[in-house]
């Protein structure tokens, strides 16, 4: 959605997922993240995927030592979760998504 200046609205949540190639663990982490975001942040998120095999300098700059690693870039401050992201509560709590950017996320999962 663009405003009258033509600038696109920034997503409320910007996430960067570091993976190592197209491994089952990497694909599972991305699928889990998309599922969580679609359910809890519909239309209010951006996912940036970084393959550390293709872009090791980006992982080094972000101090990523293990994959998959998920970093919430916005809103500040940055938050991290490491693993395949299968534990939804751990992801929501670890990234502090319950209250991020005016979020209306429920305090508990169904």
N, C-alpha and C. Protein backbone atom coordinates (compact mmCIF):
# COMPACT_ATOMS: atom_id res chain seq x y z
N UNK A 1 0.85 -1.17 0.00
CA UNK A 1 0.00 0.00 0.00
C UNK A 1 0.89 1.23 0.00
N UNK A 2 0.58 2.21 -0.82
CA UNK A 2 1.39 3.43 -0.93
C UNK A 2 0.61 4.61 -0.40
N UNK A 3 1.33 5.60 0.16
CA UNK A 3 0.68 6.82 0.62
C UNK A 3 0.67 7.82 -0.52
N UNK A 4 0.23 9.07 -0.25
CA UNK A 4 0.11 10.03 -1.33
C UNK A 4 1.45 10.43 -1.95
N UNK A 5 2.56 10.18 -1.27
CA UNK A 5 3.88 10.46 -1.85
C UNK A 5 4.35 9.32 -2.73
N UNK A 6 3.62 8.20 -2.73
CA UNK A 6 4.00 7.06 -3.54
C UNK A 6 4.90 6.09 -2.82
N UNK A 7 5.29 6.40 -1.59
CA UNK A 7 6.15 5.49 -0.83
C UNK A 7 5.33 4.34 -0.27
N UNK A 8 5.89 3.17 -0.35
CA UNK A 8 5.19 1.99 0.17
C UNK A 8 5.28 1.97 1.69
N UNK A 9 4.21 1.51 2.33
CA UNK A 9 4.21 1.36 3.78
C UNK A 9 5.18 0.24 4.14
N UNK A 10 5.99 0.48 5.15
CA UNK A 10 6.93 -0.54 5.62
C UNK A 10 6.16 -1.57 6.44
N UNK A 11 6.57 -2.84 6.36
CA UNK A 11 5.92 -3.85 7.19
C UNK A 11 6.20 -3.57 8.67
N UNK A 12 5.30 -3.99 9.52
CA UNK A 12 5.45 -3.78 10.96
C UNK A 12 6.60 -4.59 11.52
N UNK A 13 6.80 -5.80 10.98
CA UNK A 13 7.83 -6.71 11.47
C UNK A 13 8.73 -7.11 10.31
N UNK A 14 10.04 -6.94 10.48
CA UNK A 14 11.00 -7.37 9.46
C UNK A 14 11.86 -8.45 10.09
N UNK A 15 11.85 -9.62 9.45
CA UNK A 15 12.56 -10.79 9.95
C UNK A 15 13.60 -11.25 8.94
N UNK A 16 14.76 -11.66 9.45
CA UNK A 16 15.82 -12.16 8.58
C UNK A 16 16.15 -13.57 9.04
N UNK A 17 15.98 -14.54 8.14
CA UNK A 17 16.22 -15.94 8.44
C UNK A 17 17.50 -16.39 7.75
N UNK A 18 18.46 -16.84 8.54
CA UNK A 18 19.72 -17.36 8.02
C UNK A 18 19.62 -18.87 7.94
N UNK A 19 19.88 -19.42 6.74
CA UNK A 19 19.82 -20.86 6.51
C UNK A 19 21.09 -21.31 5.82
N UNK A 20 21.29 -22.63 5.78
CA UNK A 20 22.43 -23.22 5.08
C UNK A 20 21.90 -24.06 3.95
N UNK A 21 21.80 -23.49 2.78
CA UNK A 21 21.33 -24.21 1.61
C UNK A 21 19.86 -24.61 1.72
N UNK A 22 19.49 -25.56 0.88
CA UNK A 22 18.11 -26.05 0.81
C UNK A 22 17.96 -27.36 1.57
N UNK A 23 18.52 -27.44 2.76
CA UNK A 23 18.45 -28.65 3.57
C UNK A 23 17.04 -28.81 4.15
N UNK A 24 16.68 -30.03 4.55
CA UNK A 24 15.37 -30.21 5.18
C UNK A 24 15.17 -29.30 6.40
N UNK A 25 16.21 -29.13 7.20
CA UNK A 25 16.10 -28.26 8.39
C UNK A 25 15.85 -26.80 7.99
N UNK A 26 16.53 -26.33 6.96
CA UNK A 26 16.34 -24.96 6.48
C UNK A 26 14.93 -24.77 5.93
N UNK A 27 14.48 -25.71 5.11
CA UNK A 27 13.14 -25.62 4.53
C UNK A 27 12.06 -25.70 5.60
N UNK A 28 12.28 -26.53 6.62
CA UNK A 28 11.32 -26.65 7.73
C UNK A 28 11.25 -25.34 8.51
N UNK A 29 12.40 -24.72 8.75
CA UNK A 29 12.42 -23.44 9.49
C UNK A 29 11.66 -22.37 8.72
N UNK A 30 11.86 -22.29 7.41
CA UNK A 30 11.16 -21.30 6.60
C UNK A 30 9.66 -21.57 6.58
N UNK A 31 9.28 -22.83 6.43
CA UNK A 31 7.85 -23.18 6.42
C UNK A 31 7.21 -22.85 7.77
N UNK A 32 7.90 -23.17 8.86
CA UNK A 32 7.37 -22.86 10.20
C UNK A 32 7.23 -21.36 10.39
N UNK A 33 8.22 -20.60 9.93
CA UNK A 33 8.17 -19.14 10.08
C UNK A 33 7.02 -18.55 9.27
N UNK A 34 6.86 -19.01 8.05
CA UNK A 34 5.75 -18.49 7.23
C UNK A 34 4.40 -18.81 7.86
N UNK A 35 4.27 -20.02 8.40
CA UNK A 35 3.01 -20.41 9.04
C UNK A 35 2.72 -19.50 10.23
N UNK A 36 3.70 -19.29 11.08
CA UNK A 36 3.53 -18.43 12.26
C UNK A 36 3.16 -17.01 11.83
N UNK A 37 3.89 -16.48 10.87
CA UNK A 37 3.63 -15.10 10.43
C UNK A 37 2.27 -14.96 9.76
N UNK A 38 1.89 -15.94 8.94
CA UNK A 38 0.58 -15.88 8.28
C UNK A 38 -0.56 -15.91 9.29
N UNK A 39 -0.38 -16.68 10.36
CA UNK A 39 -1.42 -16.78 11.39
C UNK A 39 -1.42 -15.59 12.33
N UNK A 40 -0.23 -15.11 12.70
CA UNK A 40 -0.12 -14.11 13.76
C UNK A 40 0.14 -12.69 13.28
N UNK A 41 0.65 -12.54 12.06
CA UNK A 41 1.01 -11.21 11.56
C UNK A 41 0.56 -11.02 10.11
N UNK A 42 -0.66 -11.41 9.77
CA UNK A 42 -1.05 -11.38 8.36
C UNK A 42 -0.90 -9.99 7.74
N UNK A 43 -0.11 -9.96 6.65
CA UNK A 43 0.08 -8.71 5.92
C UNK A 43 0.95 -7.68 6.60
N UNK A 44 1.57 -8.04 7.72
CA UNK A 44 2.33 -7.05 8.50
C UNK A 44 3.78 -7.46 8.70
N UNK A 45 4.29 -8.33 7.82
CA UNK A 45 5.66 -8.81 8.02
C UNK A 45 6.39 -8.93 6.69
N UNK A 46 7.71 -8.93 6.79
CA UNK A 46 8.59 -9.17 5.66
C UNK A 46 9.63 -10.19 6.12
N UNK A 47 9.85 -11.22 5.32
CA UNK A 47 10.86 -12.23 5.62
C UNK A 47 11.98 -12.09 4.59
N UNK A 48 13.19 -11.96 5.08
CA UNK A 48 14.38 -11.92 4.23
C UNK A 48 15.18 -13.19 4.52
N UNK A 49 15.39 -14.00 3.52
CA UNK A 49 16.13 -15.25 3.70
C UNK A 49 17.55 -15.06 3.19
N UNK A 50 18.53 -15.43 4.04
CA UNK A 50 19.94 -15.34 3.68
C UNK A 50 20.53 -16.74 3.74
N UNK A 51 21.03 -17.22 2.61
CA UNK A 51 21.73 -18.51 2.58
C UNK A 51 23.19 -18.22 2.89
N UNK A 52 23.68 -18.73 4.01
CA UNK A 52 25.04 -18.42 4.44
C UNK A 52 26.08 -19.04 3.52
N UNK A 53 25.70 -20.04 2.72
CA UNK A 53 26.64 -20.60 1.75
C UNK A 53 26.86 -19.62 0.60
N UNK A 54 25.84 -18.86 0.26
CA UNK A 54 25.93 -17.89 -0.83
C UNK A 54 26.39 -16.52 -0.36
N UNK A 55 26.08 -16.16 0.88
CA UNK A 55 26.39 -14.83 1.39
C UNK A 55 26.99 -14.91 2.80
N UNK A 56 28.16 -15.53 2.93
CA UNK A 56 28.76 -15.69 4.26
C UNK A 56 29.10 -14.38 4.95
N UNK A 57 29.40 -13.34 4.16
CA UNK A 57 29.75 -12.05 4.76
C UNK A 57 28.56 -11.45 5.51
N UNK A 58 27.33 -11.68 5.02
CA UNK A 58 26.14 -11.16 5.69
C UNK A 58 25.96 -11.87 7.03
N UNK A 59 26.17 -13.18 7.04
CA UNK A 59 26.07 -13.95 8.29
C UNK A 59 27.15 -13.51 9.28
N UNK A 60 28.34 -13.28 8.78
CA UNK A 60 29.43 -12.84 9.66
C UNK A 60 29.11 -11.48 10.27
N UNK A 61 28.61 -10.55 9.47
CA UNK A 61 28.26 -9.22 9.97
C UNK A 61 27.16 -9.29 11.02
N UNK A 62 26.23 -10.25 10.85
CA UNK A 62 25.13 -10.41 11.81
C UNK A 62 25.53 -11.30 12.99
N UNK A 63 26.76 -11.79 12.97
CA UNK A 63 27.28 -12.67 14.04
C UNK A 63 26.44 -13.94 14.18
N UNK A 64 26.09 -14.52 13.05
CA UNK A 64 25.34 -15.78 13.04
C UNK A 64 26.34 -16.92 13.09
N UNK A 65 26.23 -17.75 14.13
CA UNK A 65 27.15 -18.87 14.32
C UNK A 65 26.52 -20.22 14.03
N UNK A 66 25.19 -20.27 14.00
CA UNK A 66 24.47 -21.53 13.76
C UNK A 66 23.27 -21.22 12.88
N UNK A 67 22.84 -22.23 12.13
CA UNK A 67 21.65 -22.07 11.30
C UNK A 67 20.69 -23.21 11.58
N UNK A 68 19.41 -22.96 11.40
CA UNK A 68 18.79 -21.69 11.08
C UNK A 68 18.82 -20.73 12.27
N UNK A 69 19.00 -19.46 11.97
CA UNK A 69 18.90 -18.39 12.95
C UNK A 69 17.93 -17.35 12.40
N UNK A 70 16.99 -16.94 13.23
CA UNK A 70 16.02 -15.92 12.86
C UNK A 70 16.29 -14.68 13.68
N UNK A 71 16.36 -13.54 13.00
CA UNK A 71 16.59 -12.26 13.67
C UNK A 71 15.44 -11.32 13.34
N UNK A 72 14.85 -10.74 14.38
CA UNK A 72 13.86 -9.67 14.17
C UNK A 72 14.65 -8.38 14.02
N UNK A 73 14.60 -7.80 12.82
CA UNK A 73 15.33 -6.56 12.54
C UNK A 73 14.53 -5.32 12.93
N UNK A 74 13.22 -5.40 12.75
CA UNK A 74 12.35 -4.28 13.10
C UNK A 74 11.07 -4.84 13.66
N UNK A 75 10.54 -4.21 14.66
CA UNK A 75 11.04 -3.01 15.33
C UNK A 75 12.25 -3.34 16.21
N UNK A 76 13.06 -2.31 16.45
CA UNK A 76 14.23 -2.45 17.31
C UNK A 76 13.77 -2.68 18.74
N UNK A 77 14.54 -3.30 19.57
CA UNK A 77 15.87 -3.85 19.32
C UNK A 77 15.77 -5.22 18.65
N UNK A 78 16.89 -5.64 18.05
CA UNK A 78 16.94 -6.95 17.40
C UNK A 78 16.73 -8.05 18.43
N UNK A 79 16.07 -9.13 18.00
CA UNK A 79 15.87 -10.33 18.82
C UNK A 79 16.20 -11.53 17.96
N UNK A 80 16.66 -12.64 18.59
CA UNK A 80 17.08 -13.84 17.86
C UNK A 80 16.43 -15.10 18.40
N UNK A 81 16.23 -16.04 17.48
CA UNK A 81 15.80 -17.39 17.82
C UNK A 81 16.60 -18.33 16.92
N UNK A 82 17.16 -19.37 17.51
CA UNK A 82 17.95 -20.35 16.76
C UNK A 82 17.21 -21.68 16.76
N UNK A 83 17.17 -22.33 15.61
CA UNK A 83 16.55 -23.65 15.50
C UNK A 83 15.55 -23.69 14.37
N UNK A 84 14.78 -24.77 14.28
CA UNK A 84 13.87 -24.96 13.15
C UNK A 84 12.52 -24.24 13.31
N UNK A 85 12.36 -23.49 14.40
CA UNK A 85 11.19 -22.64 14.64
C UNK A 85 9.89 -23.44 14.79
N UNK A 86 10.00 -24.69 15.21
CA UNK A 86 8.81 -25.54 15.35
C UNK A 86 8.03 -25.24 16.63
N UNK A 87 8.65 -24.63 17.61
CA UNK A 87 7.98 -24.27 18.86
C UNK A 87 7.46 -22.84 18.74
N UNK A 88 6.18 -22.71 18.37
CA UNK A 88 5.60 -21.39 18.10
C UNK A 88 5.73 -20.45 19.30
N UNK A 89 5.44 -20.93 20.48
CA UNK A 89 5.50 -20.08 21.67
C UNK A 89 6.92 -19.55 21.86
N UNK A 90 7.93 -20.40 21.64
CA UNK A 90 9.32 -19.98 21.79
C UNK A 90 9.66 -18.90 20.77
N UNK A 91 9.17 -19.03 19.55
CA UNK A 91 9.42 -18.03 18.52
C UNK A 91 8.77 -16.70 18.89
N UNK A 92 7.49 -16.74 19.26
CA UNK A 92 6.76 -15.52 19.63
C UNK A 92 7.42 -14.85 20.84
N UNK A 93 7.74 -15.64 21.86
CA UNK A 93 8.38 -15.08 23.06
C UNK A 93 9.79 -14.59 22.76
N UNK A 94 10.57 -15.38 22.03
CA UNK A 94 11.96 -15.04 21.74
C UNK A 94 12.09 -13.77 20.92
N UNK A 95 11.16 -13.55 20.01
CA UNK A 95 11.21 -12.35 19.18
C UNK A 95 10.37 -11.22 19.74
N UNK A 96 9.72 -11.47 20.88
CA UNK A 96 8.86 -10.49 21.52
C UNK A 96 7.83 -9.95 20.54
N UNK A 97 7.15 -10.86 19.85
CA UNK A 97 6.16 -10.46 18.87
C UNK A 97 4.81 -10.14 19.48
N UNK A 98 4.55 -10.56 20.71
CA UNK A 98 3.25 -10.29 21.33
C UNK A 98 2.94 -8.81 21.41
N UNK A 99 3.95 -7.98 21.64
CA UNK A 99 3.69 -6.56 21.78
C UNK A 99 4.39 -5.71 20.75
N UNK A 100 5.01 -6.33 19.76
CA UNK A 100 5.81 -5.59 18.78
C UNK A 100 4.94 -4.76 17.87
N UNK A 101 5.35 -3.54 17.67
CA UNK A 101 4.75 -2.62 16.69
C UNK A 101 3.24 -2.52 16.80
N UNK A 102 2.75 -2.43 18.02
CA UNK A 102 1.32 -2.29 18.20
C UNK A 102 0.56 -3.56 17.85
N UNK A 103 1.24 -4.66 17.95
CA UNK A 103 0.64 -5.94 17.57
C UNK A 103 -0.58 -6.25 18.43
N UNK A 104 -1.53 -6.92 17.84
CA UNK A 104 -2.71 -7.35 18.59
C UNK A 104 -2.68 -8.86 18.76
N UNK A 105 -1.48 -9.42 18.89
CA UNK A 105 -1.37 -10.86 19.05
C UNK A 105 -1.93 -11.29 20.38
N UNK A 106 -2.61 -12.42 20.43
CA UNK A 106 -3.12 -12.92 21.70
C UNK A 106 -1.96 -13.35 22.60
N UNK A 107 -2.20 -13.29 23.89
CA UNK A 107 -1.15 -13.65 24.85
C UNK A 107 -0.88 -15.15 24.86
N UNK A 108 -1.82 -15.96 24.42
CA UNK A 108 -1.59 -17.40 24.41
C UNK A 108 -2.09 -17.96 23.11
N UNK A 109 -1.56 -19.11 22.76
CA UNK A 109 -1.97 -19.80 21.55
C UNK A 109 -3.17 -20.65 21.80
N UNK A 110 -3.97 -20.88 20.75
CA UNK A 110 -5.13 -21.75 20.90
C UNK A 110 -4.73 -23.17 21.20
